[in-house]
PDB file of N, CA and C in Angstrom:
ATOM      1  N   MET A   1      92.284  81.686  89.980  1.00  0.00           N
ATOM      2  CA  MET A   1      93.403  81.923  90.877  1.00  0.00           C
ATOM      3  C   MET A   1      94.587  81.061  90.439  1.00  0.00           C
ATOM      4  N   ILE A   2      95.739  81.645  90.429  1.00  0.00           N
ATOM      5  CA  ILE A   2      96.959  80.905  90.132  1.00  0.00           C
ATOM      6  C   ILE A   2      97.360  80.165  91.402  1.00  0.00           C
ATOM      7  N   LEU A   3      97.575  78.868  91.271  1.00  0.00           N
ATOM      8  CA  LEU A   3      97.938  78.062  92.443  1.00  0.00           C
ATOM      9  C   LEU A   3      99.418  78.227  92.767  1.00  0.00           C
ATOM     10  N   PRO A   4      99.733  78.416  94.042  1.00  0.00           N
ATOM     11  CA  PRO A   4     101.146  78.513  94.419  1.00  0.00           C
ATOM     12  C   PRO A   4     101.816  77.147  94.342  1.00  0.00           C
ATOM     13  N   ALA A   5     103.100  77.154  94.112  1.00  0.00           N
ATOM     14  CA  ALA A   5     103.856  75.903  94.133  1.00  0.00           C
ATOM     15  C   ALA A   5     103.820  75.343  95.549  1.00  0.00           C
ATOM     16  N   GLU A   6     103.828  74.038  95.653  1.00  0.00           N
ATOM     17  CA  GLU A   6     103.744  73.388  96.965  1.00  0.00           C
ATOM     18  C   GLU A   6     104.873  73.850  97.889  1.00  0.00           C
ATOM     19  N   THR A   7     106.092  73.910  97.375  1.00  0.00           N
ATOM     20  CA  THR A   7     107.222  74.307  98.223  1.00  0.00           C
ATOM     21  C   THR A   7     107.072  75.743  98.713  1.00  0.00           C
ATOM     22  N   GLU A   8     106.560  76.609  97.845  1.00  0.00           N
ATOM     23  CA  GLU A   8     106.357  78.007  98.232  1.00  0.00           C
ATOM     24  C   GLU A   8     105.268  78.110  99.299  1.00  0.00           C
ATOM     25  N   LEU A   9     104.191  77.376  99.133  1.00  0.00           N
ATOM     26  CA  LEU A   9     103.107  77.381 100.120  1.00  0.00           C
ATOM     27  C   LEU A   9     103.612  76.873 101.472  1.00  0.00           C
ATOM     28  N   ARG A  10     104.359  75.788 101.444  1.00  0.00           N
ATOM     29  CA  ARG A  10     104.900  75.245 102.697  1.00  0.00           C
ATOM     30  C   ARG A  10     105.861  76.233 103.370  1.00  0.00           C
ATOM     31  N   ALA A  11     106.656  76.936 102.582  1.00  0.00           N
ATOM     32  CA  ALA A  11     107.586  77.918 103.144  1.00  0.00           C
ATOM     33  C   ALA A  11     106.824  79.080 103.787  1.00  0.00           C
ATOM     34  N   VAL A  12     105.763  79.541 103.144  1.00  0.00           N
ATOM     35  CA  VAL A  12     104.964  80.634 103.694  1.00  0.00           C
ATOM     36  C   VAL A  12     104.254  80.183 104.966  1.00  0.00           C
ATOM     37  N   LEU A  13     103.744  78.970 104.972  1.00  0.00           N
ATOM     38  CA  LEU A  13     103.101  78.440 106.175  1.00  0.00           C
ATOM     39  C   LEU A  13     104.099  78.313 107.329  1.00  0.00           C
ATOM     40  N   ALA A  14     105.301  77.870 107.027  1.00  0.00           N
ATOM     41  CA  ALA A  14     106.335  77.751 108.060  1.00  0.00           C
ATOM     42  C   ALA A  14     106.709  79.128 108.603  1.00  0.00           C
ATOM     43  N   ARG A  15     106.821  80.094 107.711  1.00  0.00           N
ATOM     44  CA  ARG A  15     107.133  81.460 108.131  1.00  0.00           C
ATOM     45  C   ARG A  15     106.020  82.011 109.020  1.00  0.00           C
ATOM     46  N   PHE A  16     104.766  81.768 108.650  1.00  0.00           N
ATOM     47  CA  PHE A  16     103.634  82.219 109.458  1.00  0.00           C
ATOM     48  C   PHE A  16     103.659  81.555 110.840  1.00  0.00           C
ATOM     49  N   ALA A  17     103.871  80.246 110.870  1.00  0.00           N
ATOM     50  CA  ALA A  17     103.888  79.513 112.133  1.00  0.00           C
ATOM     51  C   ALA A  17     105.012  80.028 113.036  1.00  0.00           C
ATOM     52  N   HIS A  18     106.171  80.252 112.459  1.00  0.00           N
ATOM     53  CA  HIS A  18     107.306  80.758 113.235  1.00  0.00           C
ATOM     54  C   HIS A  18     106.990  82.145 113.802  1.00  0.00           C
ATOM     55  N   ALA A  19     106.446  83.017 112.966  1.00  0.00           N
ATOM     56  CA  ALA A  19     106.112  84.371 113.411  1.00  0.00           C
ATOM     57  C   ALA A  19     105.030  84.338 114.495  1.00  0.00           C
ATOM     58  N   ARG A  20     104.056  83.444 114.334  1.00  0.00           N
ATOM     59  CA  ARG A  20     102.988  83.319 115.326  1.00  0.00           C
ATOM     60  C   ARG A  20     103.548  82.870 116.675  1.00  0.00           C
ATOM     61  N   MET A  21     104.438  81.888 116.657  1.00  0.00           N
ATOM     62  CA  MET A  21     105.030  81.398 117.904  1.00  0.00           C
ATOM     63  C   MET A  21     105.895  82.472 118.561  1.00  0.00           C
ATOM     64  N   GLU A  22     106.700  83.171 117.757  1.00  0.00           N
ATOM     65  CA  GLU A  22     107.533  84.232 118.319  1.00  0.00           C
ATOM     66  C   GLU A  22     106.681  85.316 118.966  1.00  0.00           C
ATOM     67  N   TYR A  23     105.600  85.694 118.294  1.00  0.00           N
ATOM     68  CA  TYR A  23     104.720  86.726 118.837  1.00  0.00           C
ATOM     69  C   TYR A  23     104.045  86.249 120.124  1.00  0.00           C
ATOM     70  N   ASP A  24     103.603  84.992 120.141  1.00  0.00           N
ATOM     71  CA  ASP A  24     102.944  84.460 121.339  1.00  0.00           C
ATOM     72  C   ASP A  24     103.894  84.415 122.535  1.00  0.00           C
ATOM     73  N   VAL A  25     105.159  84.129 122.280  1.00  0.00           N
ATOM     74  CA  VAL A  25     106.154  84.041 123.350  1.00  0.00           C
ATOM     75  C   VAL A  25     106.595  85.437 123.799  1.00  0.00           C
ATOM     76  N   SER A  26     106.782  86.316 122.835  1.00  0.00           N
ATOM     77  CA  SER A  26     107.291  87.651 123.152  1.00  0.00           C
ATOM     78  C   SER A  26     106.599  88.694 122.279  1.00  0.00           C
ATOM     79  N   PRO A  27     105.437  89.192 122.714  1.00  0.00           N
ATOM     80  CA  PRO A  27     104.694  90.162 121.897  1.00  0.00           C
ATOM     81  C   PRO A  27     105.354  91.554 121.925  1.00  0.00           C
ATOM     82  N   THR A  28     106.203  91.803 120.964  1.00  0.00           N
ATOM     83  CA  THR A  28     106.877  93.101 120.849  1.00  0.00           C
ATOM     84  C   THR A  28     106.490  93.728 119.521  1.00  0.00           C
ATOM     85  N   GLY A  29     106.951  94.930 119.295  1.00  0.00           N
ATOM     86  CA  GLY A  29     106.698  95.591 118.018  1.00  0.00           C
ATOM     87  C   GLY A  29     107.300  94.810 116.857  1.00  0.00           C
ATOM     88  N   ARG A  30     108.497  94.274 117.069  1.00  0.00           N
ATOM     89  CA  ARG A  30     109.166  93.516 116.003  1.00  0.00           C
ATOM     90  C   ARG A  30     108.411  92.245 115.670  1.00  0.00           C
ATOM     91  N   THR A  31     108.016  91.492 116.698  1.00  0.00           N
ATOM     92  CA  THR A  31     107.311  90.230 116.433  1.00  0.00           C
ATOM     93  C   THR A  31     105.911  90.491 115.885  1.00  0.00           C
ATOM     94  N   SER A  32     105.311  91.609 116.286  1.00  0.00           N
ATOM     95  CA  SER A  32     104.000  91.967 115.753  1.00  0.00           C
ATOM     96  C   SER A  32     104.092  92.278 114.263  1.00  0.00           C
ATOM     97  N   ARG A  33     105.095  93.037 113.874  1.00  0.00           N
ATOM     98  CA  ARG A  33     105.294  93.353 112.451  1.00  0.00           C
ATOM     99  C   ARG A  33     105.610  92.105 111.640  1.00  0.00           C
ATOM    100  N   ALA A  34     106.425  91.226 112.195  1.00  0.00           N
ATOM    101  CA  ALA A  34     106.759  89.979 111.499  1.00  0.00           C
ATOM    102  C   ALA A  34     105.511  89.127 111.295  1.00  0.00           C
ATOM    103  N   LEU A  35     104.657  89.068 112.310  1.00  0.00           N
ATOM    104  CA  LEU A  35     103.416  88.301 112.190  1.00  0.00           C
ATOM    105  C   LEU A  35     102.476  88.943 111.176  1.00  0.00           C
ATOM    106  N   GLU A  36     102.363  90.261 111.199  1.00  0.00           N
ATOM    107  CA  GLU A  36     101.515  90.946 110.216  1.00  0.00           C
ATOM    108  C   GLU A  36     102.010  90.696 108.797  1.00  0.00           C
ATOM    109  N   ASP A  37     103.315  90.741 108.599  1.00  0.00           N
ATOM    110  CA  ASP A  37     103.897  90.507 107.275  1.00  0.00           C
ATOM    111  C   ASP A  37     103.656  89.069 106.817  1.00  0.00           C
ATOM    112  N   ALA A  38     103.881  88.116 107.709  1.00  0.00           N
ATOM    113  CA  ALA A  38     103.667  86.706 107.360  1.00  0.00           C
ATOM    114  C   ALA A  38     102.189  86.432 107.090  1.00  0.00           C
ATOM    115  N   THR A  39     101.307  87.055 107.864  1.00  0.00           N
ATOM    116  CA  THR A  39      99.868  86.895 107.655  1.00  0.00           C
ATOM    117  C   THR A  39      99.464  87.457 106.304  1.00  0.00           C
ATOM    118  N   TYR A  40      99.964  88.640 105.979  1.00  0.00           N
ATOM    119  CA  TYR A  40      99.663  89.258 104.688  1.00  0.00           C
ATOM    120  C   TYR A  40     100.122  88.362 103.538  1.00  0.00           C
ATOM    121  N   THR A  41     101.344  87.864 103.640  1.00  0.00           N
ATOM    122  CA  THR A  41     101.886  86.999 102.585  1.00  0.00           C
ATOM    123  C   THR A  41     101.041  85.737 102.432  1.00  0.00           C
ATOM    124  N   LEU A  42     100.646  85.128 103.539  1.00  0.00           N
ATOM    125  CA  LEU A  42      99.812  83.931 103.493  1.00  0.00           C
ATOM    126  C   LEU A  42      98.471  84.233 102.839  1.00  0.00           C
ATOM    127  N   CYS A  43      97.880  85.358 103.177  1.00  0.00           N
ATOM    128  CA  CYS A  43      96.594  85.729 102.575  1.00  0.00           C
ATOM    129  C   CYS A  43      96.736  85.971 101.070  1.00  0.00           C
ATOM    130  N   VAL A  44      97.794  86.631 100.677  1.00  0.00           N
ATOM    131  CA  VAL A  44      98.007  86.906  99.248  1.00  0.00           C
ATOM    132  C   VAL A  44      98.220  85.614  98.470  1.00  0.00           C
ATOM    133  N   ILE A  45      99.059  84.730  98.979  1.00  0.00           N
ATOM    134  CA  ILE A  45      99.394  83.506  98.241  1.00  0.00           C
ATOM    135  C   ILE A  45      98.191  82.564  98.125  1.00  0.00           C
ATOM    136  N   THR A  46      97.257  82.655  99.087  1.00  0.00           N
ATOM    137  CA  THR A  46      96.072  81.785  99.038  1.00  0.00           C
ATOM    138  C   THR A  46      94.851  82.493  98.471  1.00  0.00           C
ATOM    139  N   GLY A  47      94.944  83.803  98.268  1.00  0.00           N
ATOM    140  CA  GLY A  47      93.810  84.560  97.746  1.00  0.00           C
ATOM    141  C   GLY A  47      92.712  84.749  98.773  1.00  0.00           C
ATOM    142  N   ALA A  48      93.059  84.748 100.043  1.00  0.00           N
ATOM    143  CA  ALA A  48      92.071  84.869 101.121  1.00  0.00           C
ATOM    144  C   ALA A  48      92.111  86.268 101.729  1.00  0.00           C
ATOM    145  N   ARG A  49      91.014  86.621 102.404  1.00  0.00           N
ATOM    146  CA  ARG A  49      90.925  87.934 103.042  1.00  0.00           C
ATOM    147  C   ARG A  49      91.254  87.887 104.534  1.00  0.00           C
ATOM    148  N   THR A  50      91.128  86.725 105.145  1.00  0.00           N
ATOM    149  CA  THR A  50      91.427  86.597 106.574  1.00  0.00           C
ATOM    150  C   THR A  50      92.419  85.450 106.769  1.00  0.00           C
ATOM    151  N   VAL A  51      93.116  85.483 107.896  1.00  0.00           N
ATOM    152  CA  VAL A  51      94.076  84.416 108.167  1.00  0.00           C
ATOM    153  C   VAL A  51      93.364  83.079 108.338  1.00  0.00           C
ATOM    154  N   GLU A  52      92.176  83.105 108.912  1.00  0.00           N
ATOM    155  CA  GLU A  52      91.415  81.859 109.073  1.00  0.00           C
ATOM    156  C   GLU A  52      91.097  81.240 107.719  1.00  0.00           C
ATOM    157  N   ASP A  53      90.614  82.077 106.782  1.00  0.00           N
ATOM    158  CA  ASP A  53      90.323  81.579 105.434  1.00  0.00           C
ATOM    159  C   ASP A  53      91.599  81.126 104.722  1.00  0.00           C
ATOM    160  N   ALA A  54      92.681  81.840 104.946  1.00  0.00           N
ATOM    161  CA  ALA A  54      93.956  81.482 104.317  1.00  0.00           C
ATOM    162  C   ALA A  54      94.434  80.116 104.790  1.00  0.00           C
ATOM    163  N   LEU A  55      94.285  79.838 106.074  1.00  0.00           N
ATOM    164  CA  LEU A  55      94.710  78.540 106.603  1.00  0.00           C
ATOM    165  C   LEU A  55      93.831  77.412 106.084  1.00  0.00           C
ATOM    166  N   VAL A  56      92.531  77.655 105.963  1.00  0.00           N
ATOM    167  CA  VAL A  56      91.628  76.645 105.405  1.00  0.00           C
ATOM    168  C   VAL A  56      91.998  76.378 103.945  1.00  0.00           C
ATOM    169  N   THR A  57      92.240  77.437 103.200  1.00  0.00           N
ATOM    170  CA  THR A  57      92.622  77.286 101.797  1.00  0.00           C
ATOM    171  C   THR A  57      93.959  76.565 101.663  1.00  0.00           C
ATOM    172  N   ALA A  58      94.910  76.915 102.512  1.00  0.00           N
ATOM    173  CA  ALA A  58      96.225  76.255 102.475  1.00  0.00           C
ATOM    174  C   ALA A  58      96.086  74.770 102.767  1.00  0.00           C
ATOM    175  N   ASP A  59      95.259  74.412 103.740  1.00  0.00           N
ATOM    176  CA  ASP A  59      95.024  72.996 104.038  1.00  0.00           C
ATOM    177  C   ASP A  59      94.441  72.273 102.832  1.00  0.00           C
ATOM    178  N   ALA A  60      93.476  72.903 102.169  1.00  0.00           N
ATOM    179  CA  ALA A  60      92.851  72.292 100.990  1.00  0.00           C
ATOM    180  C   ALA A  60      93.871  72.128  99.864  1.00  0.00           C
ATOM    181  N   LEU A  61      94.711  73.131  99.669  1.00  0.00           N
ATOM    182  CA  LEU A  61      95.741  73.038  98.627  1.00  0.00           C
ATOM    183  C   LEU A  61      96.740  71.930  98.939  1.00  0.00           C
ATOM    184  N   LEU A  62      97.162  71.844 100.187  1.00  0.00           N
ATOM    185  CA  LEU A  62      98.110  70.793 100.567  1.00  0.00           C
ATOM    186  C   LEU A  62      97.485  69.409 100.372  1.00  0.00           C
ATOM    187  N   GLU A  63      96.209  69.292 100.637  1.00  0.00           N
ATOM    188  CA  GLU A  63      95.528  68.016 100.408  1.00  0.00           C
ATOM    189  C   GLU A  63      95.517  67.675  98.922  1.00  0.00           C
ATOM    190  N   ARG A  64      95.283  68.688  98.084  1.00  0.00           N
ATOM    191  CA  ARG A  64      95.328  68.460  96.632  1.00  0.00           C
ATOM    192  C   ARG A  64      96.714  68.029  96.188  1.00  0.00           C
ATOM    193  N   TYR A  65      97.741  68.679  96.736  1.00  0.00           N
ATOM    194  CA  TYR A  65      99.110  68.316  96.386  1.00  0.00           C
ATOM    195  C   TYR A  65      99.414  66.884  96.825  1.00  0.00           C
ATOM    196  N   THR A  66      98.951  66.504  97.998  1.00  0.00           N
ATOM    197  CA  THR A  66      99.174  65.155  98.506  1.00  0.00           C
ATOM    198  C   THR A  66      98.466  64.134  97.637  1.00  0.00           C
ATOM    199  N   ASP A  67      97.215  64.424  97.252  1.00  0.00           N
ATOM    200  CA  ASP A  67      96.466  63.519  96.378  1.00  0.00           C
ATOM    201  C   ASP A  67      97.164  63.364  95.034  1.00  0.00           C
ATOM    202  N   ARG A  68      97.665  64.465  94.497  1.00  0.00           N
ATOM    203  CA  ARG A  68      98.349  64.432  93.208  1.00  0.00           C
ATOM    204  C   ARG A  68      99.625  63.604  93.309  1.00  0.00           C
ATOM    205  N   THR A  69     100.359  63.745  94.398  1.00  0.00           N
ATOM    206  CA  THR A  69     101.609  63.010  94.583  1.00  0.00           C
ATOM    207  C   THR A  69     101.351  61.520  94.708  1.00  0.00           C
ATOM    208  N   SER A  70     100.312  61.142  95.461  1.00  0.00           N
ATOM    209  CA  SER A  70     100.038  59.717  95.636  1.00  0.00           C
ATOM    210  C   SER A  70      99.588  59.082  94.326  1.00  0.00           C
ATOM    211  N   VAL A  71      98.846  59.806  93.500  1.00  0.00           N
ATOM    212  CA  VAL A  71      98.429  59.278  92.203  1.00  0.00           C
ATOM    213  C   VAL A  71      99.644  59.093  91.314  1.00  0.00           C
ATOM    214  N   THR A  72     100.556  60.062  91.316  1.00  0.00           N
ATOM    215  CA  THR A  72     101.765  59.969  90.495  1.00  0.00           C
ATOM    216  C   THR A  72     102.610  58.785  90.931  1.00  0.00           C
ATOM    217  N   GLN A  73     102.751  58.569  92.221  1.00  0.00           N
ATOM    218  CA  GLN A  73     103.543  57.438  92.706  1.00  0.00           C
ATOM    219  C   GLN A  73     102.878  56.120  92.344  1.00  0.00           C
ATOM    220  N   ASP A  74     101.548  56.030  92.429  1.00  0.00           N
ATOM    221  CA  ASP A  74     100.841  54.815  92.050  1.00  0.00           C
ATOM    222  C   ASP A  74     101.022  54.535  90.564  1.00  0.00           C
ATOM    223  N   ASP A  75     100.958  55.580  89.737  1.00  0.00           N
ATOM    224  CA  ASP A  75     101.151  55.417  88.301  1.00  0.00           C
ATOM    225  C   ASP A  75     102.548  54.902  87.986  1.00  0.00           C
ATOM    226  N   GLU A  76     103.551  55.412  88.705  1.00  0.00           N
ATOM    227  CA  GLU A  76     104.919  54.953  88.472  1.00  0.00           C
ATOM    228  C   GLU A  76     105.076  53.495  88.870  1.00  0.00           C
ATOM    229  N   THR A  77     104.411  53.068  89.931  1.00  0.00           N
ATOM    230  CA  THR A  77     104.488  51.681  90.361  1.00  0.00           C
ATOM    231  C   THR A  77     103.860  50.782  89.315  1.00  0.00           C
ATOM    232  N   LEU A  78     102.722  51.197  88.781  1.00  0.00           N
ATOM    233  CA  LEU A  78     102.054  50.405  87.755  1.00  0.00           C
ATOM    234  C   LEU A  78     102.875  50.339  86.472  1.00  0.00           C
ATOM    235  N   ALA A  79     103.583  51.401  86.166  1.00  0.00           N
ATOM    236  CA  ALA A  79     104.386  51.434  84.945  1.00  0.00           C
ATOM    237  C   ALA A  79     105.577  50.487  85.046  1.00  0.00           C
ATOM    238  N   ALA A  80     106.042  50.232  86.234  1.00  0.00           N
ATOM    239  CA  ALA A  80     107.215  49.379  86.420  1.00  0.00           C
ATOM    240  C   ALA A  80     106.790  47.963  86.229  1.00  0.00           C
TER     241      ALA A  80
END
């Protein structure tokens, strides 16, 4: 699987969260379609079949990105 860029993953997660909140507040045809679209995009970018699996995968990817960032920052401190 090709890993999504961290910024792209965060943007898709934000879009999903926004669509989910809008739908929960006002369940209309428009908000339902927006949520379906955001869910589909999240599933595609994470390679998951369900939104639950997509969120678990996104969490794992974000943890990997965080671990990678902290190692890079530690290396830069040691280099100085």
